[in-house]
Amino acid sequence: MKVLEFTGLKNVQKVTAGLSQLLADLQVFYTNIRGFHWNIKGKNFYVLHKKFEDMYNDAAEKVDEIAERLLMLGEAPKHNYSDYLKVSKIKESPLVSDGDQALKNILETYKYLIQLERQISADAAEIGDDATVTLMGDYIEEQEKAIWMMVAYFE
């Protein structure tokens, strides 16, 4: 038995391809944020150290949700880091200890992620995949709020 036989979704390939891309990108992003968390220094250490921890925990939760969504859509999620590095559009960050530099990296990453999530949402809407549309909408809403806060930090 296959899940799609019961959910009625068809032609999920564009959605699963997008989700697979997002999974790879978020895995690399997670690792970058861990590095920022470990290596941050300076006057904003206490605030940013905790904020980066919240961010990487959030990314880890999203990774799990996306992998499970892929399984629901009949696709086995890749789980090897070597596979992620081959396709991720997010590149591994070098060692960063400056908070402003780390936040600028995160802002650029969110910009990319939101574009990808909007495309996945549009593809999902075309096939009536409301669950994926909702998931992407939730991610976009969270990231837009985080962007607003980081931009306010720099003003």
Foldseek 3Di string as FASTA:
>chain_A
DALCVVVVFPPCVVLLVLLLQLLLQLVLVLVQLVLQLVQADDDCNVVSNVVSVVVSVVSVVVSVVSQVVSVSVVHHHDDDNVVSQVRHPQDHDDRDHYPVVSLVSVLVSLVVLLVSLVVSLVVCVVRVNVVSVVVSVVVNVVSVVVNVVSVVVVD
